[in-house]
C-alpha atoms as a PDB file:
ATOM      1  CA  UNK A   1     116.593 114.315  89.064  1.00  0.00           C
ATOM      2  CA  UNK A   2     113.842 114.508  86.469  1.00  0.00           C
ATOM      3  CA  UNK A   3     113.030 118.172  87.043  1.00  0.00           C
ATOM      4  CA  UNK A   4     109.838 118.102  84.998  1.00  0.00           C
ATOM      5  CA  UNK A   5     108.352 115.326  87.098  1.00  0.00           C
ATOM      6  CA  UNK A   6     109.816 116.580  90.361  1.00  0.00           C
ATOM      7  CA  UNK A   7     108.627 120.159  89.949  1.00  0.00           C
ATOM      8  CA  UNK A   8     104.970 119.226  90.403  1.00  0.00           C
ATOM      9  CA  UNK A   9     104.567 118.452  94.094  1.00  0.00           C
ATOM     10  CA  UNK A  10     101.542 116.362  94.997  1.00  0.00           C
ATOM     11  CA  UNK A  11      98.837 117.429  97.362  1.00  0.00           C
ATOM     12  CA  UNK A  12      99.331 116.061 100.862  1.00  0.00           C
ATOM     13  CA  UNK A  13      96.522 114.885 103.120  1.00  0.00           C
ATOM     14  CA  UNK A  14      96.623 114.315 106.860  1.00  0.00           C
ATOM     15  CA  UNK A  15      95.678 111.482 109.202  1.00  0.00           C
ATOM     16  CA  UNK A  16      95.741 112.097 112.948  1.00  0.00           C
ATOM     17  CA  UNK A  17      96.154 108.982 115.073  1.00  0.00           C
ATOM     18  CA  UNK A  18      93.688 108.752 117.984  1.00  0.00           C
ATOM     19  CA  UNK A  19      95.243 109.535 121.354  1.00  0.00           C
ATOM     20  CA  UNK A  20      94.597 106.025 122.700  1.00  0.00           C
ATOM     21  CA  UNK A  21      96.689 104.267 120.041  1.00  0.00           C
ATOM     22  CA  UNK A  22      99.964 102.847 121.368  1.00  0.00           C
ATOM     23  CA  UNK A  23     101.332 100.938 118.344  1.00  0.00           C
ATOM     24  CA  UNK A  24     101.030 101.436 114.585  1.00  0.00           C
ATOM     25  CA  UNK A  25     102.337  98.901 112.054  1.00  0.00           C
ATOM     26  CA  UNK A  26     103.443  99.592 108.474  1.00  0.00           C
ATOM     27  CA  UNK A  27     103.765  96.965 105.738  1.00  0.00           C
ATOM     28  CA  UNK A  28     103.934  97.013 101.956  1.00  0.00           C
ATOM     29  CA  UNK A  29     104.846  94.968  98.900  1.00  0.00           C
ATOM     30  CA  UNK A  30     103.426  91.652 100.043  1.00  0.00           C
ATOM     31  CA  UNK A  31     102.414  90.886  96.435  1.00  0.00           C
ATOM     32  CA  UNK A  32      99.878  88.305  97.561  1.00  0.00           C
ATOM     33  CA  UNK A  33      99.069  85.777  94.866  1.00  0.00           C
ATOM     34  CA  UNK A  34      97.680  82.216  94.679  1.00  0.00           C
ATOM     35  CA  UNK A  35     101.125  80.805  93.904  1.00  0.00           C
ATOM     36  CA  UNK A  36     102.608  82.266  97.111  1.00  0.00           C
ATOM     37  CA  UNK A  37     100.850  80.191  99.793  1.00  0.00           C
ATOM     38  CA  UNK A  38     103.420  80.630 102.584  1.00  0.00           C
ATOM     39  CA  UNK A  39     103.505  84.388 102.167  1.00  0.00           C
ATOM     40  CA  UNK A  40      99.702  84.515 102.169  1.00  0.00           C
ATOM     41  CA  UNK A  41      99.398  82.289 105.241  1.00  0.00           C
ATOM     42  CA  UNK A  42     101.970  84.369 107.142  1.00  0.00           C
ATOM     43  CA  UNK A  43     100.144  87.591 106.206  1.00  0.00           C
ATOM     44  CA  UNK A  44      96.858  86.130 107.424  1.00  0.00           C
ATOM     45  CA  UNK A  45      98.384  85.031 110.726  1.00  0.00           C
ATOM     46  CA  UNK A  46     100.031  88.416 111.196  1.00  0.00           C
ATOM     47  CA  UNK A  47      96.994  90.512 110.331  1.00  0.00           C
ATOM     48  CA  UNK A  48      94.713  88.524 112.617  1.00  0.00           C
ATOM     49  CA  UNK A  49      97.234  88.493 115.448  1.00  0.00           C
ATOM     50  CA  UNK A  50      99.136  91.772 115.574  1.00  0.00           C
ATOM     51  CA  UNK A  51      98.781  93.643 118.864  1.00  0.00           C
ATOM     52  CA  UNK A  52      99.012  96.976 117.010  1.00  0.00           C
ATOM     53  CA  UNK A  53      96.094  99.383 117.118  1.00  0.00           C
ATOM     54  CA  UNK A  54      96.383  99.966 113.374  1.00  0.00           C
ATOM     55  CA  UNK A  55      98.038  98.489 110.298  1.00  0.00           C
ATOM     56  CA  UNK A  56      98.889 100.847 107.441  1.00  0.00           C
ATOM     57  CA  UNK A  57      99.281  98.923 104.164  1.00  0.00           C
ATOM     58  CA  UNK A  58     101.334 101.148 101.858  1.00  0.00           C
ATOM     59  CA  UNK A  59     100.692  99.541  98.492  1.00  0.00           C
ATOM     60  CA  UNK A  60     101.141  96.312  96.564  1.00  0.00           C
ATOM     61  CA  UNK A  61      99.219  94.199  99.019  1.00  0.00           C
ATOM     62  CA  UNK A  62      98.242  92.175  95.947  1.00  0.00           C
ATOM     63  CA  UNK A  63     100.501  91.209  93.075  1.00  0.00           C
ATOM     64  CA  UNK A  64      97.579  92.065  90.801  1.00  0.00           C
ATOM     65  CA  UNK A  65      94.081  93.386  91.438  1.00  0.00           C
ATOM     66  CA  UNK A  66      91.878  93.440  88.362  1.00  0.00           C
ATOM     67  CA  UNK A  67      88.779  95.025  89.895  1.00  0.00           C
ATOM     68  CA  UNK A  68      86.573  94.686  92.953  1.00  0.00           C
ATOM     69  CA  UNK A  69      84.248  92.203  91.237  1.00  0.00           C
ATOM     70  CA  UNK A  70      87.077  89.663  91.590  1.00  0.00           C
ATOM     71  CA  UNK A  71      86.491  89.610  95.361  1.00  0.00           C
ATOM     72  CA  UNK A  72      83.515  87.253  95.117  1.00  0.00           C
ATOM     73  CA  UNK A  73      85.407  84.017  94.524  1.00  0.00           C
ATOM     74  CA  UNK A  74      88.719  82.219  94.762  1.00  0.00           C
ATOM     75  CA  UNK A  75      91.895  83.709  96.134  1.00  0.00           C
ATOM     76  CA  UNK A  76      90.558  87.261  96.135  1.00  0.00           C
ATOM     77  CA  UNK A  77      87.538  86.204  98.220  1.00  0.00           C
ATOM     78  CA  UNK A  78      89.847  84.600 100.774  1.00  0.00           C
ATOM     79  CA  UNK A  79      91.926  87.782 101.067  1.00  0.00           C
ATOM     80  CA  UNK A  80      88.835  89.961 101.357  1.00  0.00           C
ATOM     81  CA  UNK A  81      87.528  87.755 104.171  1.00  0.00           C
ATOM     82  CA  UNK A  82      90.828  88.101 106.067  1.00  0.00           C
ATOM     83  CA  UNK A  83      90.742  91.886 105.693  1.00  0.00           C
ATOM     84  CA  UNK A  84      87.142  92.042 106.914  1.00  0.00           C
ATOM     85  CA  UNK A  85      87.947  89.915 109.975  1.00  0.00           C
ATOM     86  CA  UNK A  86      91.067  91.894 110.807  1.00  0.00           C
ATOM     87  CA  UNK A  87      89.284  95.237 110.523  1.00  0.00           C
ATOM     88  CA  UNK A  88      87.034  94.199 113.417  1.00  0.00           C
ATOM     89  CA  UNK A  89      90.004  94.025 115.783  1.00  0.00           C
ATOM     90  CA  UNK A  90      92.249  96.886 114.597  1.00  0.00           C
ATOM     91  CA  UNK A  91      92.158  99.835 112.216  1.00  0.00           C
ATOM     92  CA  UNK A  92      93.247  98.998 108.672  1.00  0.00           C
ATOM     93  CA  UNK A  93      94.369 101.670 106.218  1.00  0.00           C
ATOM     94  CA  UNK A  94      95.199 101.013 102.574  1.00  0.00           C
ATOM     95  CA  UNK A  95      97.251 103.003 100.060  1.00  0.00           C
ATOM     96  CA  UNK A  96      97.331 101.870  96.434  1.00  0.00           C
ATOM     97  CA  UNK A  97     100.591 100.688  94.917  1.00  0.00           C
ATOM     98  CA  UNK A  98     101.703 100.059  91.367  1.00  0.00           C
ATOM     99  CA  UNK A  99     100.165  96.561  91.336  1.00  0.00           C
ATOM    100  CA  UNK A 100      96.826  97.126  93.103  1.00  0.00           C
ATOM    101  CA  UNK A 101      95.767 100.626  92.046  1.00  0.00           C
ATOM    102  CA  UNK A 102      92.442  99.199  90.792  1.00  0.00           C
ATOM    103  CA  UNK A 103      91.301  98.492  94.353  1.00  0.00           C
ATOM    104  CA  UNK A 104      88.027 100.416  94.580  1.00  0.00           C
ATOM    105  CA  UNK A 105      85.375 101.623  96.952  1.00  0.00           C
ATOM    106  CA  UNK A 106      83.500  98.306  97.022  1.00  0.00           C
ATOM    107  CA  UNK A 107      86.403  96.329  98.497  1.00  0.00           C
ATOM    108  CA  UNK A 108      87.362  99.201 100.793  1.00  0.00           C
ATOM    109  CA  UNK A 109      83.811  99.531 102.092  1.00  0.00           C
ATOM    110  CA  UNK A 110      83.077  95.837 102.601  1.00  0.00           C
ATOM    111  CA  UNK A 111      86.378  95.281 104.412  1.00  0.00           C
ATOM    112  CA  UNK A 112      86.245  98.550 106.391  1.00  0.00           C
ATOM    113  CA  UNK A 113      89.570  99.737 104.983  1.00  0.00           C
ATOM    114  CA  UNK A 114      90.418 103.413 105.380  1.00  0.00           C
ATOM    115  CA  UNK A 115      91.602 104.744 102.011  1.00  0.00           C
ATOM    116  CA  UNK A 116      94.916 106.610 102.161  1.00  0.00           C
ATOM    117  CA  UNK A 117      95.907 109.268  99.656  1.00  0.00           C
ATOM    118  CA  UNK A 118      99.480 109.047  98.342  1.00  0.00           C
ATOM    119  CA  UNK A 119     101.152 110.860 100.057  1.00  0.00           C
ATOM    120  CA  UNK A 120      99.592 111.234 103.511  1.00  0.00           C
ATOM    121  CA  UNK A 121     101.034 112.764 106.669  1.00  0.00           C
ATOM    122  CA  UNK A 122     100.426 110.671 109.769  1.00  0.00           C
ATOM    123  CA  UNK A 123     100.484 112.621 113.032  1.00  0.00           C
ATOM    124  CA  UNK A 124     101.246 110.195 115.859  1.00  0.00           C
ATOM    125  CA  UNK A 125     103.235 110.210 119.101  1.00  0.00           C
ATOM    126  CA  UNK A 126     104.371 113.787 118.514  1.00  0.00           C
ATOM    127  CA  UNK A 127     105.771 113.036 115.042  1.00  0.00           C
ATOM    128  CA  UNK A 128     104.731 113.995 111.527  1.00  0.00           C
ATOM    129  CA  UNK A 129     105.433 110.990 109.286  1.00  0.00           C
ATOM    130  CA  UNK A 130     105.036 111.219 105.511  1.00  0.00           C
ATOM    131  CA  UNK A 131     103.634 107.985 104.056  1.00  0.00           C
ATOM    132  CA  UNK A 132     103.927 106.974 100.389  1.00  0.00           C
ATOM    133  CA  UNK A 133     104.051 103.814  98.336  1.00  0.00           C
ATOM    134  CA  UNK A 134     107.194 105.300  96.819  1.00  0.00           C
ATOM    135  CA  UNK A 135     106.790 104.652  93.103  1.00  0.00           C
ATOM    136  CA  UNK A 136     105.919 108.283  92.321  1.00  0.00           C
ATOM    137  CA  UNK A 137     109.360 109.265  93.648  1.00  0.00           C
ATOM    138  CA  UNK A 138     111.339 106.902  91.359  1.00  0.00           C
ATOM    139  CA  UNK A 139     111.796 109.662  88.794  1.00  0.00           C
ATOM    140  CA  UNK A 140     114.817 108.223  86.988  1.00  0.00           C
ATOM    141  CA  UNK A 141     112.729 105.328  85.689  1.00  0.00           C
ATOM    142  CA  UNK A 142     111.191 107.458  82.953  1.00  0.00           C
ATOM    143  CA  UNK A 143     109.455 104.564  81.190  1.00  0.00           C
ATOM    144  CA  UNK A 144     107.696 103.578  84.404  1.00  0.00           C
ATOM    145  CA  UNK A 145     106.639 107.153  85.155  1.00  0.00           C
ATOM    146  CA  UNK A 146     105.078 107.401  81.696  1.00  0.00           C
ATOM    147  CA  UNK A 147     103.246 104.110  82.292  1.00  0.00           C
ATOM    148  CA  UNK A 148     102.115 105.264  85.742  1.00  0.00           C
ATOM    149  CA  UNK A 149     100.739 108.520  84.386  1.00  0.00           C
ATOM    150  CA  UNK A 150      98.658 106.587  81.841  1.00  0.00           C
ATOM    151  CA  UNK A 151      97.192 103.880  84.080  1.00  0.00           C
ATOM    152  CA  UNK A 152      96.272 106.263  86.903  1.00  0.00           C
ATOM    153  CA  UNK A 153      93.898 108.261  84.680  1.00  0.00           C
ATOM    154  CA  UNK A 154      90.153 107.698  85.191  1.00  0.00           C
ATOM    155  CA  UNK A 155      89.728 107.168  81.443  1.00  0.00           C
ATOM    156  CA  UNK A 156      92.221 104.275  81.294  1.00  0.00           C
ATOM    157  CA  UNK A 157      90.827 102.649  84.422  1.00  0.00           C
ATOM    158  CA  UNK A 158      87.227 102.897  83.217  1.00  0.00           C
ATOM    159  CA  UNK A 159      88.170 101.347  79.886  1.00  0.00           C
ATOM    160  CA  UNK A 160      89.916  98.423  81.570  1.00  0.00           C
ATOM    161  CA  UNK A 161      87.212  97.866  84.179  1.00  0.00           C
ATOM    162  CA  UNK A 162      84.685  97.759  81.336  1.00  0.00           C
ATOM    163  CA  UNK A 163      86.269  94.545  80.093  1.00  0.00           C
ATOM    164  CA  UNK A 164      84.999  91.143  81.206  1.00  0.00           C
ATOM    165  CA  UNK A 165      86.655  89.825  84.368  1.00  0.00           C
ATOM    166  CA  UNK A 166      88.459  86.975  82.602  1.00  0.00           C
ATOM    167  CA  UNK A 167      89.767  89.371  79.960  1.00  0.00           C
ATOM    168  CA  UNK A 168      91.166  91.565  82.734  1.00  0.00           C
ATOM    169  CA  UNK A 169      92.816  88.536  84.290  1.00  0.00           C
ATOM    170  CA  UNK A 170      94.476  87.708  80.957  1.00  0.00           C
ATOM    171  CA  UNK A 171      95.606  91.300  80.545  1.00  0.00           C
ATOM    172  CA  UNK A 172      97.099  91.323  84.060  1.00  0.00           C
ATOM    173  CA  UNK A 173      98.933  88.052  83.352  1.00  0.00           C
ATOM    174  CA  UNK A 174     100.379  89.541  80.164  1.00  0.00           C
ATOM    175  CA  UNK A 175     101.549  92.650  81.986  1.00  0.00           C
ATOM    176  CA  UNK A 176     103.106  90.553  84.750  1.00  0.00           C
ATOM    177  CA  UNK A 177     104.930  88.428  82.152  1.00  0.00           C
ATOM    178  CA  UNK A 178     106.219  91.547  80.396  1.00  0.00           C
ATOM    179  CA  UNK A 179     107.508  92.889  83.716  1.00  0.00           C
ATOM    180  CA  UNK A 180     109.312  89.604  84.423  1.00  0.00           C
ATOM    181  CA  UNK A 181     110.903  89.674  80.973  1.00  0.00           C
ATOM    182  CA  UNK A 182     112.200  93.205  81.558  1.00  0.00           C
ATOM    183  CA  UNK A 183     113.769  92.053  84.814  1.00  0.00           C
ATOM    184  CA  UNK A 184     115.413  89.078  83.074  1.00  0.00           C
ATOM    185  CA  UNK A 185     116.863  91.422  80.456  1.00  0.00           C
ATOM    186  CA  UNK A 186     119.053  92.955  83.132  1.00  0.00           C
ATOM    187  CA  UNK A 187     118.743  95.059  86.266  1.00  0.00           C
ATOM    188  CA  UNK A 188     118.071  98.774  86.063  1.00  0.00           C
ATOM    189  CA  UNK A 189     120.758 101.187  87.174  1.00  0.00           C
ATOM    190  CA  UNK A 190     120.668 101.674  90.975  1.00  0.00           C
ATOM    191  CA  UNK A 191     119.448 105.249  90.649  1.00  0.00           C
ATOM    192  CA  UNK A 192     116.451 104.032  88.598  1.00  0.00           C
ATOM    193  CA  UNK A 193     115.299 101.595  91.262  1.00  0.00           C
ATOM    194  CA  UNK A 194     115.407 104.022  94.185  1.00  0.00           C
ATOM    195  CA  UNK A 195     113.612 107.251  94.977  1.00  0.00           C
ATOM    196  CA  UNK A 196     114.865 110.645  93.871  1.00  0.00           C
ATOM    197  CA  UNK A 197     116.280 112.270  96.991  1.00  0.00           C
ATOM    198  CA  UNK A 198     115.755 115.933  96.028  1.00  0.00           C
ATOM    199  CA  UNK A 199     112.122 115.125  95.248  1.00  0.00           C
ATOM    200  CA  UNK A 200     111.742 113.266  98.551  1.00  0.00           C
ATOM    201  CA  UNK A 201     113.183 116.242 100.431  1.00  0.00           C
ATOM    202  CA  UNK A 202     110.783 118.573  98.615  1.00  0.00           C
ATOM    203  CA  UNK A 203     107.874 116.344  99.648  1.00  0.00           C
ATOM    204  CA  UNK A 204     109.023 116.372 103.277  1.00  0.00           C
ATOM    205  CA  UNK A 205     109.414 120.139 103.241  1.00  0.00           C
ATOM    206  CA  UNK A 206     105.928 120.634 101.832  1.00  0.00           C
ATOM    207  CA  UNK A 207     104.467 118.218 104.372  1.00  0.00           C
ATOM    208  CA  UNK A 208     106.464 119.726 107.253  1.00  0.00           C
ATOM    209  CA  UNK A 209     107.464 116.183 108.168  1.00  0.00           C
ATOM    210  CA  UNK A 210     110.765 114.811 109.420  1.00  0.00           C
ATOM    211  CA  UNK A 211     110.270 111.146 108.520  1.00  0.00           C
ATOM    212  CA  UNK A 212     109.423 109.427 105.227  1.00  0.00           C
ATOM    213  CA  UNK A 213     108.068 105.856 105.231  1.00  0.00           C
ATOM    214  CA  UNK A 214     107.712 104.141 101.860  1.00  0.00           C
ATOM    215  CA  UNK A 215     107.895 100.821 100.062  1.00  0.00           C
ATOM    216  CA  UNK A 216     108.091  99.870  96.372  1.00  0.00           C
ATOM    217  CA  UNK A 217     111.876  99.642  96.002  1.00  0.00           C
ATOM    218  CA  UNK A 218     112.312  96.278  97.806  1.00  0.00           C
ATOM    219  CA  UNK A 219     115.412  97.800  99.447  1.00  0.00           C
ATOM    220  CA  UNK A 220     114.484  97.734 103.148  1.00  0.00           C
ATOM    221  CA  UNK A 221     116.485  99.864 105.513  1.00  0.00           C
ATOM    222  CA  UNK A 222     116.656 103.176 107.338  1.00  0.00           C
ATOM    223  CA  UNK A 223     118.940 106.118 106.592  1.00  0.00           C
ATOM    224  CA  UNK A 224     119.189 109.902 106.928  1.00  0.00           C
ATOM    225  CA  UNK A 225     118.136 111.961 103.915  1.00  0.00           C
ATOM    226  CA  UNK A 226     119.444 115.232 105.328  1.00  0.00           C
ATOM    227  CA  UNK A 227     120.118 116.755 108.727  1.00  0.00           C
ATOM    228  CA  UNK A 228     117.147 115.900 110.929  1.00  0.00           C
ATOM    229  CA  UNK A 229     115.351 114.012 108.143  1.00  0.00           C
ATOM    230  CA  UNK A 230     115.218 110.231 107.837  1.00  0.00           C
ATOM    231  CA  UNK A 231     113.535 107.611 105.686  1.00  0.00           C
ATOM    232  CA  UNK A 232     112.416 104.077 106.517  1.00  0.00           C
ATOM    233  CA  UNK A 233     112.019 101.751 103.525  1.00  0.00           C
ATOM    234  CA  UNK A 234     109.606  98.888 104.076  1.00  0.00           C
ATOM    235  CA  UNK A 235     110.439  95.274 103.340  1.00  0.00           C
ATOM    236  CA  UNK A 236     108.797  93.311 100.587  1.00  0.00           C
ATOM    237  CA  UNK A 237     107.435  89.928 101.665  1.00  0.00           C
ATOM    238  CA  UNK A 238     108.448  86.634 100.075  1.00  0.00           C
ATOM    239  CA  UNK A 239     108.404  83.364 101.973  1.00  0.00           C
ATOM    240  CA  UNK A 240     107.924  81.069  98.967  1.00  0.00           C
ATOM    241  CA  UNK A 241     110.992  81.450  96.763  1.00  0.00           C
ATOM    242  CA  UNK A 242     113.412  78.542  96.785  1.00  0.00           C
ATOM    243  CA  UNK A 243     116.402  80.877  96.460  1.00  0.00           C
ATOM    244  CA  UNK A 244     117.347  83.731  98.733  1.00  0.00           C
ATOM    245  CA  UNK A 245     116.529  84.444 102.359  1.00  0.00           C
ATOM    246  CA  UNK A 246     112.842  84.639 103.309  1.00  0.00           C
ATOM    247  CA  UNK A 247     111.642  88.213 103.739  1.00  0.00           C
ATOM    248  CA  UNK A 248     108.763  89.502 105.847  1.00  0.00           C
ATOM    249  CA  UNK A 249     109.218  92.514 108.088  1.00  0.00           C
ATOM    250  CA  UNK A 250     106.945  94.906 109.922  1.00  0.00           C
ATOM    251  CA  UNK A 251     107.876  98.498 110.761  1.00  0.00           C
ATOM    252  CA  UNK A 252     106.265  99.510 114.059  1.00  0.00           C
ATOM    253  CA  UNK A 253     105.855 103.014 115.457  1.00  0.00           C
ATOM    254  CA  UNK A 254     105.184 103.717 119.126  1.00  0.00           C
ATOM    255  CA  UNK A 255     105.983 106.473 121.588  1.00  0.00           C
ATOM    256  CA  UNK A 256     109.496 104.967 121.736  1.00  0.00           C
ATOM    257  CA  UNK A 257     110.051 105.487 118.019  1.00  0.00           C
ATOM    258  CA  UNK A 258     110.359 103.159 115.025  1.00  0.00           C
ATOM    259  CA  UNK A 259     111.286  99.490 115.295  1.00  0.00           C
ATOM    260  CA  UNK A 260     111.842  96.991 112.481  1.00  0.00           C
ATOM    261  CA  UNK A 261     110.494  93.554 113.404  1.00  0.00           C
ATOM    262  CA  UNK A 262     110.190  90.078 111.977  1.00  0.00           C
ATOM    263  CA  UNK A 263     106.633  88.774 111.837  1.00  0.00           C
ATOM    264  CA  UNK A 264     107.344  86.486 114.786  1.00  0.00           C
ATOM    265  CA  UNK A 265     108.509  89.434 116.924  1.00  0.00           C
ATOM    266  CA  UNK A 266     105.634  91.596 115.685  1.00  0.00           C
ATOM    267  CA  UNK A 267     103.197  89.011 117.026  1.00  0.00           C
ATOM    268  CA  UNK A 268     104.740  88.833 120.474  1.00  0.00           C
ATOM    269  CA  UNK A 269     102.423  90.241 123.076  1.00  0.00           C
ATOM    270  CA  UNK A 270      99.358  89.605 120.953  1.00  0.00           C
ATOM    271  CA  UNK A 271      96.331  88.278 122.851  1.00  0.00           C
ATOM    272  CA  UNK A 272      95.722  84.566 122.387  1.00  0.00           C
ATOM    273  CA  UNK A 273      92.730  83.722 120.198  1.00  0.00           C
END
């Protein structure tokens, strides 16, 4: 564990689910982009059709988001329109990830997205569930943590958002290319791609929660962290790659507990349009 990073526990905020809610969905790491049409179409169909009372998007909805002024045209305008439509039929909550941390108040307001602090405790169905994107817990990836600390500062974000939109798009493309090159150079050690367990347990203790739900790692699954404590890792979405099995899962919470569903199963029971 990186003790320096893990010793500073973040502040935790709370979100209490209304008593009438019966189903809450969690998704993350969709990485929506113009060159992923099947993934985008499936997301649109899901968001406009889920029978859940709320959808909590825990980061990396977009592969890149270069500022809210991008929402006026093209692919970003299409996504914003879907979010606005969906928010009229269910509650949408958004938590920034490592790819879309420049989502701002303009997009959130126009699309009626509830902004979620990272981390947030959700109180629902008698449970306290700690929600996080997950990247802040990947403490062994020191280079990423240094990068994260820089780009999350108001000074860095203001300097980038002061650039012309097309310049920001070029910068985002360069950063995406650099990330792809690092991945081609060889995979990180397993401990660098997953969360730090002692830090996760410290977060749960501070939040007085028994369940951690997070994304970021692209390692979907559920497992105990300690006695009485469990984590659920959300699936990334990718329905466009020629190689590998298609991936698109929804984690649903109800009074019966957590259930991991394919998009097709998540849409069962939805009212016909």
